[in-house]
Amino acid sequence: QLVESGGNLVQVGGSLRLSCVASG
């Protein structure tokens, strides 16, 4: 499985970091 995380509501010009972990 691949599980993503890190999505959110953010203001214009802001930053986010998404992660995806492969498990199994």
mmCIF file of all heavy atoms, coordinates in Angstrom:
data_MODEL
# 
_entry.id   MODEL 
# 
loop_
_atom_site.group_PDB 
_atom_site.id 
_atom_site.type_symbol 
_atom_site.label_atom_id 
_atom_site.label_alt_id 
_atom_site.label_comp_id 
_atom_site.label_asym_id 
_atom_site.label_entity_id 
_atom_site.label_seq_id 
_atom_site.pdbx_PDB_ins_code 
_atom_site.Cartn_x 
_atom_site.Cartn_y 
_atom_site.Cartn_z 
_atom_site.occupancy 
_atom_site.B_iso_or_equiv 
_atom_site.pdbx_formal_charge 
_atom_site.auth_seq_id 
_atom_site.auth_comp_id 
_atom_site.auth_asym_id 
_atom_site.auth_atom_id 
_atom_site.pdbx_PDB_model_num 
ATOM 1   N N   . GLN A 1 1  ? 0.821  -1.196 0.000  1.00 0.00 ? 1  GLN A N   1 
ATOM 2   C CA  . GLN A 1 1  ? 0.000  0.000  0.000  1.00 0.00 ? 1  GLN A CA  1 
ATOM 3   C C   . GLN A 1 1  ? 0.860  1.253  0.000  1.00 0.00 ? 1  GLN A C   1 
ATOM 4   O O   . GLN A 1 1  ? 1.965  1.262  0.540  1.00 0.00 ? 1  GLN A O   1 
ATOM 5   C CB  . GLN A 1 1  ? -0.906 0.044  1.229  1.00 0.00 ? 1  GLN A CB  1 
ATOM 6   C CG  . GLN A 1 1  ? -1.943 -1.045 1.299  1.00 0.00 ? 1  GLN A CG  1 
ATOM 7   C CD  . GLN A 1 1  ? -2.902 -0.838 2.450  1.00 0.00 ? 1  GLN A CD  1 
ATOM 8   O OE1 . GLN A 1 1  ? -3.481 0.238  2.612  1.00 0.00 ? 1  GLN A OE1 1 
ATOM 9   N NE2 . GLN A 1 1  ? -3.080 -1.873 3.253  1.00 0.00 ? 1  GLN A NE2 1 
ATOM 10  N N   . LEU A 1 2  ? 0.327  2.308  -0.602 1.00 0.00 ? 2  LEU A N   1 
ATOM 11  C CA  . LEU A 1 2  ? 0.934  3.628  -0.545 1.00 0.00 ? 2  LEU A CA  1 
ATOM 12  C C   . LEU A 1 2  ? -0.017 4.525  0.219  1.00 0.00 ? 2  LEU A C   1 
ATOM 13  O O   . LEU A 1 2  ? -1.207 4.579  -0.099 1.00 0.00 ? 2  LEU A O   1 
ATOM 14  C CB  . LEU A 1 2  ? 1.160  4.199  -1.948 1.00 0.00 ? 2  LEU A CB  1 
ATOM 15  C CG  . LEU A 1 2  ? 2.057  3.409  -2.899 1.00 0.00 ? 2  LEU A CG  1 
ATOM 16  C CD1 . LEU A 1 2  ? 2.149  4.139  -4.240 1.00 0.00 ? 2  LEU A CD1 1 
ATOM 17  C CD2 . LEU A 1 2  ? 3.441  3.233  -2.304 1.00 0.00 ? 2  LEU A CD2 1 
ATOM 18  N N   . VAL A 1 3  ? 0.495  5.209  1.223  1.00 0.00 ? 3  VAL A N   1 
ATOM 19  C CA  . VAL A 1 3  ? -0.335 6.081  2.041  1.00 0.00 ? 3  VAL A CA  1 
ATOM 20  C C   . VAL A 1 3  ? 0.235  7.483  2.035  1.00 0.00 ? 3  VAL A C   1 
ATOM 21  O O   . VAL A 1 3  ? 1.355  7.707  2.497  1.00 0.00 ? 3  VAL A O   1 
ATOM 22  C CB  . VAL A 1 3  ? -0.446 5.566  3.485  1.00 0.00 ? 3  VAL A CB  1 
ATOM 23  C CG1 . VAL A 1 3  ? -1.315 6.511  4.309  1.00 0.00 ? 3  VAL A CG1 1 
ATOM 24  C CG2 . VAL A 1 3  ? -1.036 4.164  3.503  1.00 0.00 ? 3  VAL A CG2 1 
ATOM 25  N N   . GLU A 1 4  ? -0.549 8.433  1.519  1.00 0.00 ? 4  GLU A N   1 
ATOM 26  C CA  . GLU A 1 4  ? -0.131 9.827  1.483  1.00 0.00 ? 4  GLU A CA  1 
ATOM 27  C C   . GLU A 1 4  ? -0.584 10.553 2.742  1.00 0.00 ? 4  GLU A C   1 
ATOM 28  O O   . GLU A 1 4  ? -1.581 10.184 3.364  1.00 0.00 ? 4  GLU A O   1 
ATOM 29  C CB  . GLU A 1 4  ? -0.721 10.552 0.264  1.00 0.00 ? 4  GLU A CB  1 
ATOM 30  C CG  . GLU A 1 4  ? -0.396 9.920  -1.073 1.00 0.00 ? 4  GLU A CG  1 
ATOM 31  C CD  . GLU A 1 4  ? -1.518 9.053  -1.583 1.00 0.00 ? 4  GLU A CD  1 
ATOM 32  O OE1 . GLU A 1 4  ? -2.269 8.488  -0.746 1.00 0.00 ? 4  GLU A OE1 1 
ATOM 33  O OE2 . GLU A 1 4  ? -1.662 8.930  -2.815 1.00 0.00 ? 4  GLU A OE2 1 
ATOM 34  N N   . SER A 1 5  ? 0.134  11.612 3.072  1.00 0.00 ? 5  SER A N   1 
ATOM 35  C CA  . SER A 1 5  ? -0.243 12.463 4.185  1.00 0.00 ? 5  SER A CA  1 
ATOM 36  C C   . SER A 1 5  ? 0.328  13.852 3.953  1.00 0.00 ? 5  SER A C   1 
ATOM 37  O O   . SER A 1 5  ? 1.215  14.037 3.127  1.00 0.00 ? 5  SER A O   1 
ATOM 38  C CB  . SER A 1 5  ? 0.259  11.898 5.518  1.00 0.00 ? 5  SER A CB  1 
ATOM 39  O OG  . SER A 1 5  ? 1.673  11.841 5.546  1.00 0.00 ? 5  SER A OG  1 
ATOM 40  N N   . GLY A 1 6  ? -0.177 14.821 4.689  1.00 0.00 ? 6  GLY A N   1 
ATOM 41  C CA  . GLY A 1 6  ? 0.346  16.173 4.611  1.00 0.00 ? 6  GLY A CA  1 
ATOM 42  C C   . GLY A 1 6  ? -0.554 17.182 3.932  1.00 0.00 ? 6  GLY A C   1 
ATOM 43  O O   . GLY A 1 6  ? -0.292 18.387 3.997  1.00 0.00 ? 6  GLY A O   1 
ATOM 44  N N   . GLY A 1 7  ? -1.605 16.726 3.280  1.00 0.00 ? 7  GLY A N   1 
ATOM 45  C CA  . GLY A 1 7  ? -2.516 17.650 2.628  1.00 0.00 ? 7  GLY A CA  1 
ATOM 46  C C   . GLY A 1 7  ? -3.231 18.513 3.651  1.00 0.00 ? 7  GLY A C   1 
ATOM 47  O O   . GLY A 1 7  ? -3.532 18.059 4.756  1.00 0.00 ? 7  GLY A O   1 
ATOM 48  N N   . ASN A 1 8  ? -3.521 19.749 3.273  1.00 0.00 ? 8  ASN A N   1 
ATOM 49  C CA  . ASN A 1 8  ? -4.142 20.678 4.200  1.00 0.00 ? 8  ASN A CA  1 
ATOM 50  C C   . ASN A 1 8  ? -4.690 21.880 3.454  1.00 0.00 ? 8  ASN A C   1 
ATOM 51  O O   . ASN A 1 8  ? -4.514 22.009 2.240  1.00 0.00 ? 8  ASN A O   1 
ATOM 52  C CB  . ASN A 1 8  ? -3.125 21.137 5.242  1.00 0.00 ? 8  ASN A CB  1 
ATOM 53  C CG  . ASN A 1 8  ? -3.744 21.463 6.576  1.00 0.00 ? 8  ASN A CG  1 
ATOM 54  O OD1 . ASN A 1 8  ? -4.935 21.765 6.670  1.00 0.00 ? 8  ASN A OD1 1 
ATOM 55  N ND2 . ASN A 1 8  ? -2.936 21.403 7.631  1.00 0.00 ? 8  ASN A ND2 1 
ATOM 56  N N   . LEU A 1 9  ? -5.330 22.754 4.202  1.00 0.00 ? 9  LEU A N   1 
ATOM 57  C CA  . LEU A 1 9  ? -5.773 24.047 3.688  1.00 0.00 ? 9  LEU A CA  1 
ATOM 58  C C   . LEU A 1 9  ? -4.659 25.041 3.969  1.00 0.00 ? 9  LEU A C   1 
ATOM 59  O O   . LEU A 1 9  ? -4.205 25.159 5.108  1.00 0.00 ? 9  LEU A O   1 
ATOM 60  C CB  . LEU A 1 9  ? -7.068 24.481 4.368  1.00 0.00 ? 9  LEU A CB  1 
ATOM 61  C CG  . LEU A 1 9  ? -7.567 25.895 4.072  1.00 0.00 ? 9  LEU A CG  1 
ATOM 62  C CD1 . LEU A 1 9  ? -7.944 26.026 2.601  1.00 0.00 ? 9  LEU A CD1 1 
ATOM 63  C CD2 . LEU A 1 9  ? -8.759 26.225 4.959  1.00 0.00 ? 9  LEU A CD2 1 
ATOM 64  N N   . VAL A 1 10 ? -4.217 25.753 2.943  1.00 0.00 ? 10 VAL A N   1 
ATOM 65  C CA  . VAL A 1 10 ? -3.108 26.681 3.094  1.00 0.00 ? 10 VAL A CA  1 
ATOM 66  C C   . VAL A 1 10 ? -3.374 27.958 2.305  1.00 0.00 ? 10 VAL A C   1 
ATOM 67  O O   . VAL A 1 10 ? -4.077 27.939 1.290  1.00 0.00 ? 10 VAL A O   1 
ATOM 68  C CB  . VAL A 1 10 ? -1.785 26.020 2.640  1.00 0.00 ? 10 VAL A CB  1 
ATOM 69  C CG1 . VAL A 1 10 ? -1.829 25.689 1.153  1.00 0.00 ? 10 VAL A CG1 1 
ATOM 70  C CG2 . VAL A 1 10 ? -0.591 26.894 2.970  1.00 0.00 ? 10 VAL A CG2 1 
ATOM 71  N N   . GLN A 1 11 ? -2.826 29.058 2.782  1.00 0.00 ? 11 GLN A N   1 
ATOM 72  C CA  . GLN A 1 11 ? -2.968 30.341 2.105  1.00 0.00 ? 11 GLN A CA  1 
ATOM 73  C C   . GLN A 1 11 ? -2.074 30.423 0.868  1.00 0.00 ? 11 GLN A C   1 
ATOM 74  O O   . GLN A 1 11 ? -1.059 29.727 0.765  1.00 0.00 ? 11 GLN A O   1 
ATOM 75  C CB  . GLN A 1 11 ? -2.601 31.482 3.056  1.00 0.00 ? 11 GLN A CB  1 
ATOM 76  C CG  . GLN A 1 11 ? -3.556 31.673 4.226  1.00 0.00 ? 11 GLN A CG  1 
ATOM 77  C CD  . GLN A 1 11 ? -4.748 32.536 3.862  1.00 0.00 ? 11 GLN A CD  1 
ATOM 78  O OE1 . GLN A 1 11 ? -4.723 33.258 2.866  1.00 0.00 ? 11 GLN A OE1 1 
ATOM 79  N NE2 . GLN A 1 11 ? -5.792 32.472 4.658  1.00 0.00 ? 11 GLN A NE2 1 
ATOM 80  N N   . VAL A 1 12 ? -2.465 31.269 -0.056 1.00 0.00 ? 12 VAL A N   1 
ATOM 81  C CA  . VAL A 1 12 ? -1.632 31.528 -1.227 1.00 0.00 ? 12 VAL A CA  1 
ATOM 82  C C   . VAL A 1 12 ? -0.231 31.941 -0.781 1.00 0.00 ? 12 VAL A C   1 
ATOM 83  O O   . VAL A 1 12 ? -0.073 32.764 0.113  1.00 0.00 ? 12 VAL A O   1 
ATOM 84  C CB  . VAL A 1 12 ? -2.238 32.631 -2.110 1.00 0.00 ? 12 VAL A CB  1 
ATOM 85  C CG1 . VAL A 1 12 ? -1.268 33.073 -3.189 1.00 0.00 ? 12 VAL A CG1 1 
ATOM 86  C CG2 . VAL A 1 12 ? -3.541 32.157 -2.724 1.00 0.00 ? 12 VAL A CG2 1 
ATOM 87  N N   . GLY A 1 13 ? 0.784  31.357 -1.402 1.00 0.00 ? 13 GLY A N   1 
ATOM 88  C CA  . GLY A 1 13 ? 2.154  31.660 -1.045 1.00 0.00 ? 13 GLY A CA  1 
ATOM 89  C C   . GLY A 1 13 ? 2.715  30.786 0.053  1.00 0.00 ? 13 GLY A C   1 
ATOM 90  O O   . GLY A 1 13 ? 3.917  30.853 0.347  1.00 0.00 ? 13 GLY A O   1 
ATOM 91  N N   . GLY A 1 14 ? 1.878  29.975 0.646  1.00 0.00 ? 14 GLY A N   1 
ATOM 92  C CA  . GLY A 1 14 ? 2.306  29.105 1.721  1.00 0.00 ? 14 GLY A CA  1 
ATOM 93  C C   . GLY A 1 14 ? 2.995  27.852 1.219  1.00 0.00 ? 14 GLY A C   1 
ATOM 94  O O   . GLY A 1 14 ? 3.186  27.659 0.015  1.00 0.00 ? 14 GLY A O   1 
ATOM 95  N N   . SER A 1 15 ? 3.354  26.993 2.160  1.00 0.00 ? 15 SER A N   1 
ATOM 96  C CA  . SER A 1 15 ? 4.076  25.771 1.833  1.00 0.00 ? 15 SER A CA  1 
ATOM 97  C C   . SER A 1 15 ? 3.466  24.557 2.518  1.00 0.00 ? 15 SER A C   1 
ATOM 98  O O   . SER A 1 15 ? 2.852  24.663 3.580  1.00 0.00 ? 15 SER A O   1 
ATOM 99  C CB  . SER A 1 15 ? 5.544  25.885 2.261  1.00 0.00 ? 15 SER A CB  1 
ATOM 100 O OG  . SER A 1 15 ? 6.204  26.933 1.598  1.00 0.00 ? 15 SER A OG  1 
ATOM 101 N N   . LEU A 1 16 ? 3.640  23.419 1.898  1.00 0.00 ? 16 LEU A N   1 
ATOM 102 C CA  . LEU A 1 16 ? 3.228  22.141 2.458  1.00 0.00 ? 16 LEU A CA  1 
ATOM 103 C C   . LEU A 1 16 ? 4.230  21.087 2.020  1.00 0.00 ? 16 LEU A C   1 
ATOM 104 O O   . LEU A 1 16 ? 4.851  21.217 0.964  1.00 0.00 ? 16 LEU A O   1 
ATOM 105 C CB  . LEU A 1 16 ? 1.843  21.719 1.970  1.00 0.00 ? 16 LEU A CB  1 
ATOM 106 C CG  . LEU A 1 16 ? 0.606  22.406 2.537  1.00 0.00 ? 16 LEU A CG  1 
ATOM 107 C CD1 . LEU A 1 16 ? -0.631 21.917 1.787  1.00 0.00 ? 16 LEU A CD1 1 
ATOM 108 C CD2 . LEU A 1 16 ? 0.461  22.128 4.022  1.00 0.00 ? 16 LEU A CD2 1 
ATOM 109 N N   . ARG A 1 17 ? 4.364  20.059 2.829  1.00 0.00 ? 17 ARG A N   1 
ATOM 110 C CA  . ARG A 1 17 ? 5.173  18.927 2.427  1.00 0.00 ? 17 ARG A CA  1 
ATOM 111 C C   . ARG A 1 17 ? 4.327  17.659 2.505  1.00 0.00 ? 17 ARG A C   1 
ATOM 112 O O   . ARG A 1 17 ? 3.834  17.296 3.571  1.00 0.00 ? 17 ARG A O   1 
ATOM 113 C CB  . ARG A 1 17 ? 6.425  18.752 3.294  1.00 0.00 ? 17 ARG A CB  1 
ATOM 114 C CG  . ARG A 1 17 ? 7.372  17.687 2.713  1.00 0.00 ? 17 ARG A CG  1 
ATOM 115 C CD  . ARG A 1 17 ? 8.698  17.610 3.427  1.00 0.00 ? 17 ARG A CD  1 
ATOM 116 N NE  . ARG A 1 17 ? 8.647  16.754 4.601  1.00 0.00 ? 17 ARG A NE  1 
ATOM 117 C CZ  . ARG A 1 17 ? 9.681  16.043 5.059  1.00 0.00 ? 17 ARG A CZ  1 
ATOM 118 N NH1 . ARG A 1 17 ? 10.851 16.107 4.425  1.00 0.00 ? 17 ARG A NH1 1 
ATOM 119 N NH2 . ARG A 1 17 ? 9.548  15.308 6.146  1.00 0.00 ? 17 ARG A NH2 1 
ATOM 120 N N   . LEU A 1 18 ? 4.177  17.016 1.379  1.00 0.00 ? 18 LEU A N   1 
ATOM 121 C CA  . LEU A 1 18 ? 3.440  15.772 1.306  1.00 0.00 ? 18 LEU A CA  1 
ATOM 122 C C   . LEU A 1 18 ? 4.395  14.594 1.459  1.00 0.00 ? 18 LEU A C   1 
ATOM 123 O O   . LEU A 1 18 ? 5.532  14.645 0.992  1.00 0.00 ? 18 LEU A O   1 
ATOM 124 C CB  . LEU A 1 18 ? 2.705  15.646 -0.026 1.00 0.00 ? 18 LEU A CB  1 
ATOM 125 C CG  . LEU A 1 18 ? 1.780  16.800 -0.415 1.00 0.00 ? 18 LEU A CG  1 
ATOM 126 C CD1 . LEU A 1 18 ? 1.073  16.468 -1.730 1.00 0.00 ? 18 LEU A CD1 1 
ATOM 127 C CD2 . LEU A 1 18 ? 0.773  17.088 0.681  1.00 0.00 ? 18 LEU A CD2 1 
ATOM 128 N N   . SER A 1 19 ? 3.911  13.554 2.103  1.00 0.00 ? 19 SER A N   1 
ATOM 129 C CA  . SER A 1 19 ? 4.700  12.344 2.273  1.00 0.00 ? 19 SER A CA  1 
ATOM 130 C C   . SER A 1 19 ? 3.908  11.151 1.763  1.00 0.00 ? 19 SER A C   1 
ATOM 131 O O   . SER A 1 19 ? 2.681  11.129 1.842  1.00 0.00 ? 19 SER A O   1 
ATOM 132 C CB  . SER A 1 19 ? 5.053  12.115 3.747  1.00 0.00 ? 19 SER A CB  1 
ATOM 133 O OG  . SER A 1 19 ? 5.829  13.168 4.260  1.00 0.00 ? 19 SER A OG  1 
ATOM 134 N N   . CYS A 1 20 ? 4.604  10.175 1.258  1.00 0.00 ? 20 CYS A N   1 
ATOM 135 C CA  . CYS A 1 20 ? 3.980  8.941  0.795  1.00 0.00 ? 20 CYS A CA  1 
ATOM 136 C C   . CYS A 1 20 ? 4.855  7.780  1.229  1.00 0.00 ? 20 CYS A C   1 
ATOM 137 O O   . CYS A 1 20 ? 6.017  7.697  0.830  1.00 0.00 ? 20 CYS A O   1 
ATOM 138 C CB  . CYS A 1 20 ? 3.826  8.961  -0.722 1.00 0.00 ? 20 CYS A CB  1 
ATOM 139 S SG  . CYS A 1 20 ? 3.262  7.388  -1.426 1.00 0.00 ? 20 CYS A SG  1 
ATOM 140 N N   . VAL A 1 21 ? 4.289  6.908  2.029  1.00 0.00 ? 21 VAL A N   1 
ATOM 141 C CA  . VAL A 1 21 ? 5.024  5.764  2.549  1.00 0.00 ? 21 VAL A CA  1 
ATOM 142 C C   . VAL A 1 21 ? 4.492  4.472  1.952  1.00 0.00 ? 21 VAL A C   1 
ATOM 143 O O   . VAL A 1 21 ? 3.289  4.217  1.988  1.00 0.00 ? 21 VAL A O   1 
ATOM 144 C CB  . VAL A 1 21 ? 4.924  5.687  4.084  1.00 0.00 ? 21 VAL A CB  1 
ATOM 145 C CG1 . VAL A 1 21 ? 5.711  4.486  4.607  1.00 0.00 ? 21 VAL A CG1 1 
ATOM 146 C CG2 . VAL A 1 21 ? 5.432  6.966  4.720  1.00 0.00 ? 21 VAL A CG2 1 
ATOM 147 N N   . ALA A 1 22 ? 5.383  3.677  1.417  1.00 0.00 ? 22 ALA A N   1 
ATOM 148 C CA  . ALA A 1 22 ? 5.017  2.362  0.905  1.00 0.00 ? 22 ALA A CA  1 
ATOM 149 C C   . ALA A 1 22 ? 5.178  1.345  2.022  1.00 0.00 ? 22 ALA A C   1 
ATOM 150 O O   . ALA A 1 22 ? 6.228  1.276  2.662  1.00 0.00 ? 22 ALA A O   1 
ATOM 151 C CB  . ALA A 1 22 ? 5.898  1.987  -0.279 1.00 0.00 ? 22 ALA A CB  1 
ATOM 152 N N   . SER A 1 23 ? 4.139  0.579  2.268  1.00 0.00 ? 23 SER A N   1 
ATOM 153 C CA  . SER A 1 23 ? 4.179  -0.405 3.338  1.00 0.00 ? 23 SER A CA  1 
ATOM 154 C C   . SER A 1 23 ? 3.798  -1.785 2.818  1.00 0.00 ? 23 SER A C   1 
ATOM 155 O O   . SER A 1 23 ? 3.205  -1.922 1.756  1.00 0.00 ? 23 SER A O   1 
ATOM 156 C CB  . SER A 1 23 ? 3.249  0.002  4.485  1.00 0.00 ? 23 SER A CB  1 
ATOM 157 O OG  . SER A 1 23 ? 1.902  0.057  4.048  1.00 0.00 ? 23 SER A OG  1 
ATOM 158 N N   . GLY A 1 24 ? 4.125  -2.793 3.615  1.00 0.00 ? 24 GLY A N   1 
ATOM 159 C CA  . GLY A 1 24 ? 3.884  -4.159 3.217  1.00 0.00 ? 24 GLY A CA  1 
ATOM 160 C C   . GLY A 1 24 ? 5.179  -4.812 2.775  1.00 0.00 ? 24 GLY A C   1 
ATOM 161 O O   . GLY A 1 24 ? 6.265  -4.298 3.017  1.00 0.00 ? 24 GLY A O   1 
# 
